[in-house]
Amino acid sequence: MPRIEGFKFGSIVIGGKRYGRDVLILPDGTVKQRKGGLWRYGRHAIMKSEIEELVKASPEIVVVGTGMRAKAKLASDAELYIKEAKVELIAVPSREAIERLNRLVEEGTRVSALIHITW
């Protein structure tokens, strides 16, 4: 799995590539830019469909970076889905999420992540 090498408001660098949108990272190292935006998800909502994609990749842990000021929140059905899937969830501000994600990857833990790169 690639390492997150840089992060600042509106930008994240993973495996040497810069992304200007939120990203989903799967345990096999696949990095996808988050689709949609304000028009699709509303104000900083993390939807069940996104969490489903992360859980279907069979991680031990799902890490969600909730933004620089933790404005992004899991929709209630997304939170319920992850509890029912019995997958550990770490939902913290994005800078902390990145540090934890990198550490978990170094330890060999199978992890999926969604990192919100704005507020």
N, C-alpha and C. Protein backbone atom coordinates (compact mmCIF):
# COMPACT_ATOMS: atom_id res chain seq x y z
N MET A 1 0.85 -1.18 0.00
CA MET A 1 0.00 0.00 0.00
C MET A 1 0.89 1.24 0.00
N PRO A 2 0.56 2.24 -0.82
CA PRO A 2 1.41 3.43 -0.87
C PRO A 2 1.29 4.26 0.40
N ARG A 3 2.32 4.98 0.66
CA ARG A 3 2.39 5.85 1.84
C ARG A 3 1.88 7.24 1.47
N ILE A 4 1.19 7.89 2.40
CA ILE A 4 0.78 9.28 2.21
C ILE A 4 1.98 10.12 2.59
N GLU A 5 2.47 10.86 1.60
CA GLU A 5 3.73 11.59 1.78
C GLU A 5 3.54 13.07 2.06
N GLY A 6 2.36 13.60 1.78
CA GLY A 6 2.14 15.02 2.01
C GLY A 6 0.66 15.34 2.09
N PHE A 7 0.35 16.39 2.84
CA PHE A 7 -1.04 16.80 3.00
C PHE A 7 -1.08 18.28 3.36
N LYS A 8 -1.90 19.01 2.64
CA LYS A 8 -2.22 20.39 3.01
C LYS A 8 -3.63 20.64 2.50
N PHE A 9 -4.22 21.74 2.91
CA PHE A 9 -5.59 22.04 2.53
C PHE A 9 -5.77 21.92 1.01
N GLY A 10 -6.66 21.03 0.60
CA GLY A 10 -6.99 20.87 -0.81
C GLY A 10 -6.04 20.00 -1.61
N SER A 11 -5.09 19.33 -0.95
CA SER A 11 -4.11 18.55 -1.69
C SER A 11 -3.55 17.43 -0.81
N ILE A 12 -3.35 16.26 -1.45
CA ILE A 12 -2.74 15.12 -0.75
C ILE A 12 -1.81 14.43 -1.74
N VAL A 13 -0.66 13.97 -1.25
CA VAL A 13 0.31 13.27 -2.09
C VAL A 13 0.42 11.83 -1.59
N ILE A 14 0.16 10.89 -2.51
CA ILE A 14 0.19 9.47 -2.17
C ILE A 14 1.03 8.75 -3.23
N GLY A 15 2.05 8.05 -2.80
CA GLY A 15 2.89 7.31 -3.73
C GLY A 15 3.48 8.20 -4.81
N GLY A 16 3.81 9.43 -4.46
CA GLY A 16 4.41 10.38 -5.40
C GLY A 16 3.43 11.10 -6.30
N LYS A 17 2.15 10.80 -6.21
CA LYS A 17 1.14 11.46 -7.05
C LYS A 17 0.29 12.41 -6.20
N ARG A 18 0.08 13.62 -6.74
CA ARG A 18 -0.72 14.63 -6.04
C ARG A 18 -2.18 14.54 -6.47
N TYR A 19 -3.08 14.58 -5.49
CA TYR A 19 -4.53 14.56 -5.74
C TYR A 19 -5.13 15.85 -5.20
N GLY A 20 -6.06 16.42 -5.94
CA GLY A 20 -6.72 17.65 -5.53
C GLY A 20 -8.16 17.42 -5.10
N ARG A 21 -8.49 16.18 -4.80
CA ARG A 21 -9.82 15.82 -4.31
C ARG A 21 -9.65 14.82 -3.17
N ASP A 22 -10.72 14.64 -2.41
CA ASP A 22 -10.71 13.59 -1.39
C ASP A 22 -10.38 12.27 -2.06
N VAL A 23 -9.80 11.35 -1.30
CA VAL A 23 -9.41 10.06 -1.86
C VAL A 23 -9.95 8.90 -1.05
N LEU A 24 -10.15 7.79 -1.74
CA LEU A 24 -10.42 6.50 -1.12
C LEU A 24 -9.20 5.65 -1.39
N ILE A 25 -8.70 4.96 -0.37
CA ILE A 25 -7.53 4.12 -0.50
C ILE A 25 -7.92 2.71 -0.06
N LEU A 26 -7.65 1.74 -0.92
CA LEU A 26 -8.01 0.36 -0.64
C LEU A 26 -6.78 -0.44 -0.22
N PRO A 27 -6.98 -1.54 0.49
CA PRO A 27 -5.84 -2.32 1.01
C PRO A 27 -4.86 -2.82 -0.06
N ASP A 28 -5.33 -2.97 -1.30
CA ASP A 28 -4.43 -3.44 -2.36
C ASP A 28 -3.59 -2.30 -2.95
N GLY A 29 -3.73 -1.10 -2.38
CA GLY A 29 -2.95 0.04 -2.85
C GLY A 29 -3.66 0.92 -3.86
N THR A 30 -4.86 0.53 -4.28
CA THR A 30 -5.63 1.35 -5.21
C THR A 30 -6.01 2.66 -4.55
N VAL A 31 -5.79 3.76 -5.27
CA VAL A 31 -6.19 5.08 -4.80
C VAL A 31 -7.19 5.62 -5.81
N LYS A 32 -8.35 6.03 -5.31
CA LYS A 32 -9.40 6.59 -6.17
C LYS A 32 -9.76 7.97 -5.66
N GLN A 33 -9.95 8.90 -6.59
CA GLN A 33 -10.46 10.19 -6.19
C GLN A 33 -11.94 10.04 -5.86
N ARG A 34 -12.35 10.67 -4.80
CA ARG A 34 -13.75 10.62 -4.37
C ARG A 34 -14.61 11.29 -5.43
N LYS A 35 -15.67 10.61 -5.82
CA LYS A 35 -16.56 11.16 -6.85
C LYS A 35 -17.55 12.13 -6.22
N GLY A 36 -18.09 12.98 -7.08
CA GLY A 36 -19.13 13.89 -6.61
C GLY A 36 -18.55 15.12 -5.98
N GLY A 37 -19.20 15.59 -4.98
CA GLY A 37 -18.80 16.80 -4.30
C GLY A 37 -20.00 17.36 -3.58
N LEU A 38 -20.01 18.64 -3.37
CA LEU A 38 -21.08 19.30 -2.63
C LEU A 38 -22.44 19.00 -3.24
N TRP A 39 -22.52 19.00 -4.55
CA TRP A 39 -23.80 18.73 -5.23
C TRP A 39 -24.29 17.31 -4.99
N ARG A 40 -23.37 16.37 -4.77
CA ARG A 40 -23.76 14.97 -4.59
C ARG A 40 -23.95 14.60 -3.12
N TYR A 41 -23.08 15.06 -2.27
CA TYR A 41 -23.08 14.61 -0.89
C TYR A 41 -23.59 15.63 0.12
N GLY A 42 -23.77 16.85 -0.30
CA GLY A 42 -24.15 17.86 0.67
C GLY A 42 -22.92 18.34 1.42
N ARG A 43 -23.15 18.99 2.49
CA ARG A 43 -22.05 19.58 3.23
C ARG A 43 -21.27 18.55 4.03
N HIS A 44 -20.15 18.15 3.54
CA HIS A 44 -19.20 17.30 4.26
C HIS A 44 -19.79 15.97 4.76
N ALA A 45 -20.70 15.38 4.02
CA ALA A 45 -21.29 14.10 4.42
C ALA A 45 -20.51 12.95 3.80
N ILE A 46 -20.22 11.94 4.59
CA ILE A 46 -19.59 10.73 4.09
C ILE A 46 -20.69 9.67 4.05
N MET A 47 -20.98 9.22 2.84
CA MET A 47 -22.15 8.39 2.59
C MET A 47 -21.87 6.90 2.78
N LYS A 48 -22.95 6.17 3.00
CA LYS A 48 -22.89 4.73 3.18
C LYS A 48 -22.23 4.05 1.98
N SER A 49 -22.55 4.48 0.76
CA SER A 49 -21.97 3.84 -0.44
C SER A 49 -20.45 3.91 -0.44
N GLU A 50 -19.89 4.99 0.07
CA GLU A 50 -18.43 5.12 0.15
C GLU A 50 -17.86 4.16 1.19
N ILE A 51 -18.52 4.07 2.32
CA ILE A 51 -18.08 3.17 3.38
C ILE A 51 -18.21 1.72 2.91
N GLU A 52 -19.28 1.42 2.17
CA GLU A 52 -19.45 0.07 1.64
C GLU A 52 -18.27 -0.32 0.76
N GLU A 53 -17.84 0.60 -0.09
CA GLU A 53 -16.70 0.31 -0.97
C GLU A 53 -15.45 0.00 -0.15
N LEU A 54 -15.25 0.76 0.91
CA LEU A 54 -14.07 0.53 1.76
C LEU A 54 -14.17 -0.81 2.50
N VAL A 55 -15.35 -1.14 3.01
CA VAL A 55 -15.54 -2.38 3.76
C VAL A 55 -15.47 -3.61 2.86
N LYS A 56 -15.99 -3.50 1.64
CA LYS A 56 -15.97 -4.64 0.72
C LYS A 56 -14.56 -5.06 0.33
N ALA A 57 -13.59 -4.21 0.56
CA ALA A 57 -12.18 -4.54 0.28
C ALA A 57 -11.57 -5.38 1.40
N SER A 58 -12.37 -5.76 2.38
CA SER A 58 -11.97 -6.64 3.49
C SER A 58 -10.82 -6.12 4.34
N PRO A 59 -10.92 -4.89 4.82
CA PRO A 59 -9.87 -4.39 5.72
C PRO A 59 -10.09 -4.85 7.15
N GLU A 60 -9.05 -4.76 7.95
CA GLU A 60 -9.21 -4.95 9.39
C GLU A 60 -9.74 -3.67 10.02
N ILE A 61 -9.31 -2.55 9.45
CA ILE A 61 -9.66 -1.23 9.98
C ILE A 61 -10.01 -0.30 8.82
N VAL A 62 -11.01 0.55 9.03
CA VAL A 62 -11.32 1.63 8.10
C VAL A 62 -10.95 2.94 8.79
N VAL A 63 -10.11 3.73 8.12
CA VAL A 63 -9.70 5.03 8.64
C VAL A 63 -10.41 6.11 7.82
N VAL A 64 -11.06 7.03 8.52
CA VAL A 64 -11.73 8.14 7.86
C VAL A 64 -11.10 9.43 8.38
N GLY A 65 -10.53 10.20 7.44
CA GLY A 65 -10.02 11.52 7.78
C GLY A 65 -11.14 12.51 7.57
N THR A 66 -11.54 13.19 8.62
CA THR A 66 -12.73 14.04 8.59
C THR A 66 -12.45 15.49 8.22
N GLY A 67 -11.26 15.76 7.69
CA GLY A 67 -10.92 17.12 7.27
C GLY A 67 -9.99 17.80 8.25
N MET A 68 -9.49 18.95 7.84
CA MET A 68 -8.54 19.68 8.69
C MET A 68 -9.18 20.13 9.99
N ARG A 69 -10.46 20.49 9.93
CA ARG A 69 -11.17 20.92 11.14
C ARG A 69 -12.31 19.96 11.51
N ALA A 70 -12.20 18.74 11.03
CA ALA A 70 -13.16 17.67 11.36
C ALA A 70 -14.60 18.03 11.01
N LYS A 71 -14.81 18.72 9.89
CA LYS A 71 -16.15 19.10 9.46
C LYS A 71 -16.92 17.94 8.83
N ALA A 72 -16.22 17.00 8.20
CA ALA A 72 -16.90 15.88 7.55
C ALA A 72 -17.40 14.90 8.61
N LYS A 73 -18.58 14.38 8.37
CA LYS A 73 -19.19 13.44 9.31
C LYS A 73 -19.74 12.25 8.53
N LEU A 74 -19.73 11.10 9.17
CA LEU A 74 -20.35 9.92 8.60
C LEU A 74 -21.86 10.07 8.67
N ALA A 75 -22.54 9.78 7.56
CA ALA A 75 -24.00 9.73 7.59
C ALA A 75 -24.40 8.63 8.57
N SER A 76 -25.55 8.77 9.20
CA SER A 76 -25.96 7.80 10.22
C SER A 76 -26.05 6.38 9.67
N ASP A 77 -26.51 6.22 8.42
CA ASP A 77 -26.58 4.86 7.86
C ASP A 77 -25.19 4.31 7.56
N ALA A 78 -24.23 5.18 7.28
CA ALA A 78 -22.84 4.74 7.05
C ALA A 78 -22.24 4.24 8.35
N GLU A 79 -22.50 4.97 9.42
CA GLU A 79 -21.99 4.57 10.73
C GLU A 79 -22.61 3.24 11.17
N LEU A 80 -23.89 3.08 10.96
CA LEU A 80 -24.57 1.83 11.29
C LEU A 80 -24.02 0.67 10.46
N TYR A 81 -23.80 0.91 9.17
CA TYR A 81 -23.28 -0.13 8.28
C TYR A 81 -21.92 -0.65 8.77
N ILE A 82 -21.04 0.24 9.13
CA ILE A 82 -19.71 -0.19 9.55
C ILE A 82 -19.77 -0.94 10.88
N LYS A 83 -20.67 -0.54 11.77
CA LYS A 83 -20.84 -1.28 13.03
C LYS A 83 -21.34 -2.69 12.76
N GLU A 84 -22.33 -2.79 11.86
CA GLU A 84 -22.88 -4.10 11.53
C GLU A 84 -21.87 -4.99 10.82
N ALA A 85 -20.95 -4.38 10.07
CA ALA A 85 -19.91 -5.13 9.37
C ALA A 85 -18.82 -5.61 10.32
N LYS A 86 -18.84 -5.10 11.54
CA LYS A 86 -17.86 -5.47 12.57
C LYS A 86 -16.42 -5.20 12.13
N VAL A 87 -16.26 -4.03 11.51
CA VAL A 87 -14.93 -3.55 11.12
C VAL A 87 -14.61 -2.36 12.01
N GLU A 88 -13.39 -2.33 12.52
CA GLU A 88 -12.98 -1.22 13.37
C GLU A 88 -12.96 0.07 12.56
N LEU A 89 -13.47 1.14 13.14
CA LEU A 89 -13.50 2.45 12.50
C LEU A 89 -12.65 3.43 13.30
N ILE A 90 -11.79 4.14 12.59
CA ILE A 90 -11.07 5.26 13.18
C ILE A 90 -11.49 6.48 12.38
N ALA A 91 -12.23 7.40 12.99
CA ALA A 91 -12.68 8.62 12.33
C ALA A 91 -12.14 9.80 13.13
N VAL A 92 -11.14 10.45 12.56
CA VAL A 92 -10.42 11.53 13.25
C VAL A 92 -10.06 12.61 12.22
N PRO A 93 -9.66 13.80 12.67
CA PRO A 93 -9.22 14.82 11.70
C PRO A 93 -8.16 14.26 10.75
N SER A 94 -8.15 14.76 9.54
CA SER A 94 -7.35 14.16 8.47
C SER A 94 -5.86 14.05 8.77
N ARG A 95 -5.27 15.06 9.37
CA ARG A 95 -3.84 14.96 9.66
C ARG A 95 -3.55 13.77 10.58
N GLU A 96 -4.35 13.61 11.61
CA GLU A 96 -4.19 12.47 12.53
C GLU A 96 -4.49 11.15 11.81
N ALA A 97 -5.53 11.16 10.96
CA ALA A 97 -5.88 9.95 10.20
C ALA A 97 -4.72 9.50 9.33
N ILE A 98 -4.05 10.44 8.70
CA ILE A 98 -2.91 10.12 7.83
C ILE A 98 -1.77 9.52 8.65
N GLU A 99 -1.47 10.11 9.79
CA GLU A 99 -0.41 9.57 10.65
C GLU A 99 -0.74 8.14 11.09
N ARG A 100 -2.00 7.93 11.49
CA ARG A 100 -2.40 6.59 11.94
C ARG A 100 -2.41 5.60 10.79
N LEU A 101 -2.91 6.05 9.63
CA LEU A 101 -2.93 5.17 8.45
C LEU A 101 -1.52 4.74 8.08
N ASN A 102 -0.60 5.67 7.99
CA ASN A 102 0.79 5.33 7.65
C ASN A 102 1.39 4.36 8.66
N ARG A 103 1.10 4.57 9.94
CA ARG A 103 1.62 3.68 10.98
C ARG A 103 1.03 2.28 10.84
N LEU A 104 -0.28 2.20 10.62
CA LEU A 104 -0.93 0.90 10.46
C LEU A 104 -0.39 0.14 9.25
N VAL A 105 -0.15 0.85 8.16
CA VAL A 105 0.41 0.22 6.96
C VAL A 105 1.81 -0.31 7.25
N GLU A 106 2.62 0.48 7.93
CA GLU A 106 3.97 0.04 8.30
C GLU A 106 3.93 -1.21 9.17
N GLU A 107 2.89 -1.33 10.00
CA GLU A 107 2.75 -2.50 10.88
C GLU A 107 2.18 -3.71 10.15
N GLY A 108 1.78 -3.53 8.88
CA GLY A 108 1.25 -4.63 8.11
C GLY A 108 -0.25 -4.86 8.27
N THR A 109 -0.95 -3.89 8.83
CA THR A 109 -2.39 -4.00 9.02
C THR A 109 -3.10 -3.75 7.69
N ARG A 110 -4.13 -4.51 7.43
CA ARG A 110 -4.93 -4.35 6.21
C ARG A 110 -5.93 -3.22 6.46
N VAL A 111 -5.76 -2.10 5.72
CA VAL A 111 -6.52 -0.88 5.99
C VAL A 111 -7.14 -0.33 4.72
N SER A 112 -8.36 0.22 4.87
CA SER A 112 -9.00 1.04 3.82
C SER A 112 -9.14 2.43 4.43
N ALA A 113 -9.20 3.45 3.56
CA ALA A 113 -9.31 4.81 4.09
C ALA A 113 -10.05 5.72 3.14
N LEU A 114 -10.69 6.73 3.73
CA LEU A 114 -11.23 7.88 3.01
C LEU A 114 -10.65 9.09 3.68
N ILE A 115 -9.96 9.93 2.91
CA ILE A 115 -9.34 11.13 3.49
C ILE A 115 -9.98 12.36 2.86
N HIS A 116 -10.62 13.17 3.70
CA HIS A 116 -11.23 14.43 3.29
C HIS A 116 -10.14 15.50 3.37
N ILE A 117 -9.93 16.26 2.28
CA ILE A 117 -8.75 17.14 2.23
C ILE A 117 -9.05 18.63 2.44
N THR A 118 -10.30 18.96 2.75
CA THR A 118 -10.58 20.36 3.07
C THR A 118 -11.02 20.45 4.53
N TRP A 119 -11.91 21.36 4.84
CA TRP A 119 -12.30 21.57 6.24
C TRP A 119 -12.96 20.35 6.80
